[in-house]
PDB file of all heavy atoms in Angstrom:
ATOM      1  N   MET A   1      68.339 169.807  40.573  1.00  0.00           N
ATOM      2  CA  MET A   1      68.664 168.840  39.526  1.00  0.00           C
ATOM      3  C   MET A   1      67.363 168.274  38.988  1.00  0.00           C
ATOM      4  O   MET A   1      66.640 167.578  39.715  1.00  0.00           O
ATOM      5  CB  MET A   1      69.539 167.712  40.095  1.00  0.00           C
ATOM      6  CG  MET A   1      70.867 168.199  40.652  1.00  0.00           C
ATOM      7  SD  MET A   1      71.836 166.839  41.394  1.00  0.00           S
ATOM      8  CE  MET A   1      70.811 166.454  42.809  1.00  0.00           C
ATOM      9  N   PRO A   2      67.006 168.561  37.745  1.00  0.00           N
ATOM     10  CA  PRO A   2      65.745 168.049  37.205  1.00  0.00           C
ATOM     11  C   PRO A   2      65.776 166.534  37.070  1.00  0.00           C
ATOM     12  O   PRO A   2      66.810 165.955  36.721  1.00  0.00           O
ATOM     13  CB  PRO A   2      65.636 168.739  35.844  1.00  0.00           C
ATOM     14  CG  PRO A   2      67.047 169.062  35.472  1.00  0.00           C
ATOM     15  CD  PRO A   2      67.756 169.350  36.749  1.00  0.00           C
ATOM     16  N   SER A   3      64.654 165.902  37.346  1.00  0.00           N
ATOM     17  CA  SER A   3      64.556 164.454  37.153  1.00  0.00           C
ATOM     18  C   SER A   3      64.550 164.149  35.659  1.00  0.00           C
ATOM     19  O   SER A   3      64.517 165.051  34.823  1.00  0.00           O
ATOM     20  CB  SER A   3      63.303 163.908  37.834  1.00  0.00           C
ATOM     21  OG  SER A   3      62.144 164.512  37.297  1.00  0.00           O
ATOM     22  N   ALA A   4      64.567 162.870  35.321  1.00  0.00           N
ATOM     23  CA  ALA A   4      64.720 162.455  33.927  1.00  0.00           C
ATOM     24  C   ALA A   4      63.676 163.088  33.005  1.00  0.00           C
ATOM     25  O   ALA A   4      63.995 163.549  31.908  1.00  0.00           O
ATOM     26  CB  ALA A   4      64.653 160.933  33.836  1.00  0.00           C
ATOM     27  N   ALA A   5      62.428 163.139  33.447  1.00  0.00           N
ATOM     28  CA  ALA A   5      61.363 163.695  32.605  1.00  0.00           C
ATOM     29  C   ALA A   5      61.616 165.159  32.278  1.00  0.00           C
ATOM     30  O   ALA A   5      61.418 165.603  31.142  1.00  0.00           O
ATOM     31  CB  ALA A   5      60.015 163.537  33.306  1.00  0.00           C
ATOM     32  N   TYR A   6      62.100 165.917  33.244  1.00  0.00           N
ATOM     33  CA  TYR A   6      62.324 167.345  33.022  1.00  0.00           C
ATOM     34  C   TYR A   6      63.650 167.605  32.337  1.00  0.00           C
ATOM     35  O   TYR A   6      63.819 168.618  31.671  1.00  0.00           O
ATOM     36  CB  TYR A   6      62.240 168.082  34.357  1.00  0.00           C
ATOM     37  CG  TYR A   6      60.873 167.951  34.983  1.00  0.00           C
ATOM     38  CD1 TYR A   6      60.652 167.032  36.009  1.00  0.00           C
ATOM     39  CD2 TYR A   6      59.801 168.694  34.517  1.00  0.00           C
ATOM     40  CE1 TYR A   6      59.385 166.885  36.566  1.00  0.00           C
ATOM     41  CE2 TYR A   6      58.536 168.548  35.072  1.00  0.00           C
ATOM     42  CZ  TYR A   6      58.344 167.645  36.093  1.00  0.00           C
ATOM     43  OH  TYR A   6      57.090 167.491  36.638  1.00  0.00           O
ATOM     44  N   GLN A   7      64.615 166.682  32.478  1.00  0.00           N
ATOM     45  CA  GLN A   7      65.862 166.813  31.742  1.00  0.00           C
ATOM     46  C   GLN A   7      65.601 166.718  30.246  1.00  0.00           C
ATOM     47  O   GLN A   7      66.155 167.462  29.456  1.00  0.00           O
ATOM     48  CB  GLN A   7      66.830 165.697  32.159  1.00  0.00           C
ATOM     49  CG  GLN A   7      67.397 165.863  33.550  1.00  0.00           C
ATOM     50  CD  GLN A   7      68.215 164.667  33.978  1.00  0.00           C
ATOM     51  OE1 GLN A   7      68.472 163.758  33.191  1.00  0.00           O
ATOM     52  NE2 GLN A   7      68.617 164.650  35.235  1.00  0.00           N
ATOM     53  N   THR A   8      64.718 165.799  29.850  1.00  0.00           N
ATOM     54  CA  THR A   8      64.382 165.645  28.433  1.00  0.00           C
ATOM     55  C   THR A   8      63.714 166.891  27.899  1.00  0.00           C
ATOM     56  O   THR A   8      64.041 167.409  26.832  1.00  0.00           O
ATOM     57  CB  THR A   8      63.446 164.435  28.242  1.00  0.00           C
ATOM     58  OG1 THR A   8      64.101 163.270  28.731  1.00  0.00           O
ATOM     59  CG2 THR A   8      63.098 164.250  26.773  1.00  0.00           C
ATOM     60  N   PHE A   9      62.795 167.425  28.694  1.00  0.00           N
ATOM     61  CA  PHE A   9      62.055 168.600  28.251  1.00  0.00           C
ATOM     62  C   PHE A   9      62.950 169.820  28.146  1.00  0.00           C
ATOM     63  O   PHE A   9      62.777 170.660  27.272  1.00  0.00           O
ATOM     64  CB  PHE A   9      60.906 168.871  29.222  1.00  0.00           C
ATOM     65  CG  PHE A   9      60.080 170.069  28.839  1.00  0.00           C
ATOM     66  CD1 PHE A   9      59.129 169.987  27.845  1.00  0.00           C
ATOM     67  CD2 PHE A   9      60.278 171.291  29.474  1.00  0.00           C
ATOM     68  CE1 PHE A   9      58.369 171.089  27.487  1.00  0.00           C
ATOM     69  CE2 PHE A   9      59.518 172.388  29.127  1.00  0.00           C
ATOM     70  CZ  PHE A   9      58.560 172.295  28.128  1.00  0.00           C
ATOM     71  N   SER A  10      63.928 169.912  29.046  1.00  0.00           N
ATOM     72  CA  SER A  10      64.751 171.119  29.092  1.00  0.00           C
ATOM     73  C   SER A  10      66.024 171.001  28.266  1.00  0.00           C
ATOM     74  O   SER A  10      66.853 171.903  28.280  1.00  0.00           O
ATOM     75  CB  SER A  10      65.133 171.426  30.549  1.00  0.00           C
ATOM     76  OG  SER A  10      65.864 170.350  31.099  1.00  0.00           O
ATOM     77  N   SER A  11      66.210 169.915  27.535  1.00  0.00           N
ATOM     78  CA  SER A  11      67.421 169.769  26.734  1.00  0.00           C
ATOM     79  C   SER A  11      67.429 170.801  25.607  1.00  0.00           C
ATOM     80  O   SER A  11      66.380 171.203  25.100  1.00  0.00           O
ATOM     81  CB  SER A  11      67.497 168.354  26.150  1.00  0.00           C
ATOM     82  OG  SER A  11      66.465 168.163  25.204  1.00  0.00           O
ATOM     83  N   PRO A  12      68.615 171.245  25.148  1.00  0.00           N
ATOM     84  CA  PRO A  12      68.685 172.243  24.075  1.00  0.00           C
ATOM     85  C   PRO A  12      67.977 171.795  22.800  1.00  0.00           C
ATOM     86  O   PRO A  12      67.296 172.594  22.145  1.00  0.00           O
ATOM     87  CB  PRO A  12      70.199 172.401  23.864  1.00  0.00           C
ATOM     88  CG  PRO A  12      70.809 172.003  25.173  1.00  0.00           C
ATOM     89  CD  PRO A  12      69.927 170.918  25.707  1.00  0.00           C
ATOM     90  N   PHE A  13      68.130 170.519  22.434  1.00  0.00           N
ATOM     91  CA  PHE A  13      67.482 170.039  21.211  1.00  0.00           C
ATOM     92  C   PHE A  13      65.972 170.126  21.318  1.00  0.00           C
ATOM     93  O   PHE A  13      65.287 170.533  20.381  1.00  0.00           O
ATOM     94  CB  PHE A  13      67.911 168.582  20.937  1.00  0.00           C
ATOM     95  CG  PHE A  13      67.199 167.970  19.760  1.00  0.00           C
ATOM     96  CD1 PHE A  13      67.568 168.280  18.461  1.00  0.00           C
ATOM     97  CD2 PHE A  13      66.134 167.103  19.967  1.00  0.00           C
ATOM     98  CE1 PHE A  13      66.901 167.725  17.382  1.00  0.00           C
ATOM     99  CE2 PHE A  13      65.459 166.546  18.888  1.00  0.00           C
ATOM    100  CZ  PHE A  13      65.845 166.860  17.585  1.00  0.00           C
ATOM    101  N   CYS A  14      65.454 169.737  22.495  1.00  0.00           N
ATOM    102  CA  CYS A  14      64.008 169.772  22.685  1.00  0.00           C
ATOM    103  C   CYS A  14      63.494 171.207  22.625  1.00  0.00           C
ATOM    104  O   CYS A  14      62.468 171.479  22.006  1.00  0.00           O
ATOM    105  CB  CYS A  14      63.654 169.117  24.017  1.00  0.00           C
ATOM    106  SG  CYS A  14      61.879 169.012  24.335  1.00  0.00           S
ATOM    107  N   LEU A  15      64.209 172.129  23.242  1.00  0.00           N
ATOM    108  CA  LEU A  15      63.787 173.527  23.221  1.00  0.00           C
ATOM    109  C   LEU A  15      63.825 174.080  21.800  1.00  0.00           C
ATOM    110  O   LEU A  15      62.933 174.834  21.389  1.00  0.00           O
ATOM    111  CB  LEU A  15      64.690 174.350  24.145  1.00  0.00           C
ATOM    112  CG  LEU A  15      64.550 174.051  25.642  1.00  0.00           C
ATOM    113  CD1 LEU A  15      65.554 174.881  26.436  1.00  0.00           C
ATOM    114  CD2 LEU A  15      63.126 174.349  26.131  1.00  0.00           C
ATOM    115  N   LEU A  16      64.857 173.709  21.039  1.00  0.00           N
ATOM    116  CA  LEU A  16      64.956 174.165  19.653  1.00  0.00           C
ATOM    117  C   LEU A  16      63.811 173.623  18.816  1.00  0.00           C
ATOM    118  O   LEU A  16      63.231 174.336  17.986  1.00  0.00           O
ATOM    119  CB  LEU A  16      66.299 173.724  19.060  1.00  0.00           C
ATOM    120  CG  LEU A  16      66.582 174.159  17.618  1.00  0.00           C
ATOM    121  CD1 LEU A  16      66.600 175.680  17.526  1.00  0.00           C
ATOM    122  CD2 LEU A  16      67.912 173.576  17.139  1.00  0.00           C
ATOM    123  N   LEU A  17      63.464 172.358  19.077  1.00  0.00           N
ATOM    124  CA  LEU A  17      62.362 171.748  18.349  1.00  0.00           C
ATOM    125  C   LEU A  17      61.043 172.444  18.662  1.00  0.00           C
ATOM    126  O   LEU A  17      60.218 172.691  17.765  1.00  0.00           O
ATOM    127  CB  LEU A  17      62.273 170.262  18.702  1.00  0.00           C
ATOM    128  CG  LEU A  17      61.198 169.449  17.974  1.00  0.00           C
ATOM    129  CD1 LEU A  17      61.461 169.464  16.466  1.00  0.00           C
ATOM    130  CD2 LEU A  17      61.166 168.021  18.496  1.00  0.00           C
ATOM    131  N   ILE A  18      60.839 172.816  19.923  1.00  0.00           N
ATOM    132  CA  ILE A  18      59.615 173.516  20.319  1.00  0.00           C
ATOM    133  C   ILE A  18      59.535 174.882  19.654  1.00  0.00           C
ATOM    134  O   ILE A  18      58.487 175.299  19.150  1.00  0.00           O
ATOM    135  CB  ILE A  18      59.560 173.647  21.854  1.00  0.00           C
ATOM    136  CG1 ILE A  18      59.373 172.262  22.493  1.00  0.00           C
ATOM    137  CG2 ILE A  18      58.426 174.579  22.282  1.00  0.00           C
ATOM    138  CD1 ILE A  18      59.455 172.285  24.011  1.00  0.00           C
ATOM    139  N   VAL A  19      60.678 175.592  19.627  1.00  0.00           N
ATOM    140  CA  VAL A  19      60.710 176.913  18.989  1.00  0.00           C
ATOM    141  C   VAL A  19      60.388 176.778  17.497  1.00  0.00           C
ATOM    142  O   VAL A  19      59.603 177.562  16.948  1.00  0.00           O
ATOM    143  CB  VAL A  19      62.081 177.576  19.199  1.00  0.00           C
ATOM    144  CG1 VAL A  19      62.204 178.839  18.341  1.00  0.00           C
ATOM    145  CG2 VAL A  19      62.291 177.909  20.665  1.00  0.00           C
ATOM    146  N   ALA A  20      60.998 175.796  16.838  1.00  0.00           N
ATOM    147  CA  ALA A  20      60.770 175.608  15.404  1.00  0.00           C
ATOM    148  C   ALA A  20      59.313 175.255  15.121  1.00  0.00           C
ATOM    149  O   ALA A  20      58.703 175.781  14.168  1.00  0.00           O
ATOM    150  CB  ALA A  20      61.691 174.506  14.879  1.00  0.00           C
ATOM    151  N   LEU A  21      58.727 174.397  15.949  1.00  0.00           N
ATOM    152  CA  LEU A  21      57.342 174.003  15.751  1.00  0.00           C
ATOM    153  C   LEU A  21      56.410 175.187  15.982  1.00  0.00           C
ATOM    154  O   LEU A  21      55.446 175.392  15.227  1.00  0.00           O
ATOM    155  CB  LEU A  21      56.988 172.853  16.699  1.00  0.00           C
ATOM    156  CG  LEU A  21      55.557 172.321  16.610  1.00  0.00           C
ATOM    157  CD1 LEU A  21      55.275 171.797  15.207  1.00  0.00           C
ATOM    158  CD2 LEU A  21      55.319 171.226  17.648  1.00  0.00           C
ATOM    159  N   THR A  22      56.700 175.986  16.999  1.00  0.00           N
ATOM    160  CA  THR A  22      55.880 177.168  17.270  1.00  0.00           C
ATOM    161  C   THR A  22      55.935 178.149  16.105  1.00  0.00           C
ATOM    162  O   THR A  22      54.908 178.701  15.673  1.00  0.00           O
ATOM    163  CB  THR A  22      56.364 177.859  18.565  1.00  0.00           C
ATOM    164  OG1 THR A  22      56.299 176.927  19.642  1.00  0.00           O
ATOM    165  CG2 THR A  22      55.502 179.061  18.888  1.00  0.00           C
ATOM    166  N   PHE A  23      57.140 178.382  15.576  1.00  0.00           N
ATOM    167  CA  PHE A  23      57.303 179.289  14.433  1.00  0.00           C
ATOM    168  C   PHE A  23      56.529 178.774  13.227  1.00  0.00           C
ATOM    169  O   PHE A  23      55.865 179.538  12.510  1.00  0.00           O
ATOM    170  CB  PHE A  23      58.794 179.422  14.104  1.00  0.00           C
ATOM    171  CG  PHE A  23      59.070 180.319  12.934  1.00  0.00           C
ATOM    172  CD1 PHE A  23      59.053 181.711  13.080  1.00  0.00           C
ATOM    173  CD2 PHE A  23      59.349 179.792  11.683  1.00  0.00           C
ATOM    174  CE1 PHE A  23      59.293 182.538  12.003  1.00  0.00           C
ATOM    175  CE2 PHE A  23      59.594 180.612  10.606  1.00  0.00           C
ATOM    176  CZ  PHE A  23      59.570 181.989  10.761  1.00  0.00           C
ATOM    177  N   TYR A  24      56.584 177.456  13.022  1.00  0.00           N
ATOM    178  CA  TYR A  24      55.895 176.847  11.880  1.00  0.00           C
ATOM    179  C   TYR A  24      54.387 177.028  12.011  1.00  0.00           C
ATOM    180  O   TYR A  24      53.694 177.380  11.039  1.00  0.00           O
ATOM    181  CB  TYR A  24      56.251 175.362  11.813  1.00  0.00           C
ATOM    182  CG  TYR A  24      55.512 174.596  10.730  1.00  0.00           C
ATOM    183  CD1 TYR A  24      55.929 174.644   9.407  1.00  0.00           C
ATOM    184  CD2 TYR A  24      54.387 173.831  11.053  1.00  0.00           C
ATOM    185  CE1 TYR A  24      55.241 173.953   8.422  1.00  0.00           C
ATOM    186  CE2 TYR A  24      53.710 173.130  10.074  1.00  0.00           C
ATOM    187  CZ  TYR A  24      54.136 173.180   8.754  1.00  0.00           C
ATOM    188  OH  TYR A  24      53.464 172.495   7.776  1.00  0.00           O
ATOM    189  N   LEU A  25      53.859 176.841  13.194  1.00  0.00           N
ATOM    190  CA  LEU A  25      52.416 176.971  13.404  1.00  0.00           C
ATOM    191  C   LEU A  25      51.955 178.429  13.268  1.00  0.00           C
ATOM    192  O   LEU A  25      50.865 178.716  12.766  1.00  0.00           O
ATOM    193  CB  LEU A  25      52.042 176.429  14.782  1.00  0.00           C
ATOM    194  CG  LEU A  25      52.201 174.901  14.967  1.00  0.00           C
ATOM    195  CD1 LEU A  25      51.924 174.521  16.409  1.00  0.00           C
ATOM    196  CD2 LEU A  25      51.266 174.160  14.018  1.00  0.00           C
ATOM    197  N   LEU A  26      52.800 179.368  13.765  1.00  0.00           N
ATOM    198  CA  LEU A  26      52.412 180.773  13.677  1.00  0.00           C
ATOM    199  C   LEU A  26      52.467 181.288  12.238  1.00  0.00           C
ATOM    200  O   LEU A  26      51.629 182.082  11.823  1.00  0.00           O
ATOM    201  CB  LEU A  26      53.362 181.600  14.553  1.00  0.00           C
ATOM    202  CG  LEU A  26      53.196 181.441  16.070  1.00  0.00           C
ATOM    203  CD1 LEU A  26      54.259 182.251  16.811  1.00  0.00           C
ATOM    204  CD2 LEU A  26      51.793 181.903  16.508  1.00  0.00           C
TER     205      LEU A  26
END
């Protein structure tokens, strides 16, 4: 069970945001 800090990082919205930002930078 991830603690609060890792729950935020692993949330679907956060992952989608990271993917979108990576695509934008590339």
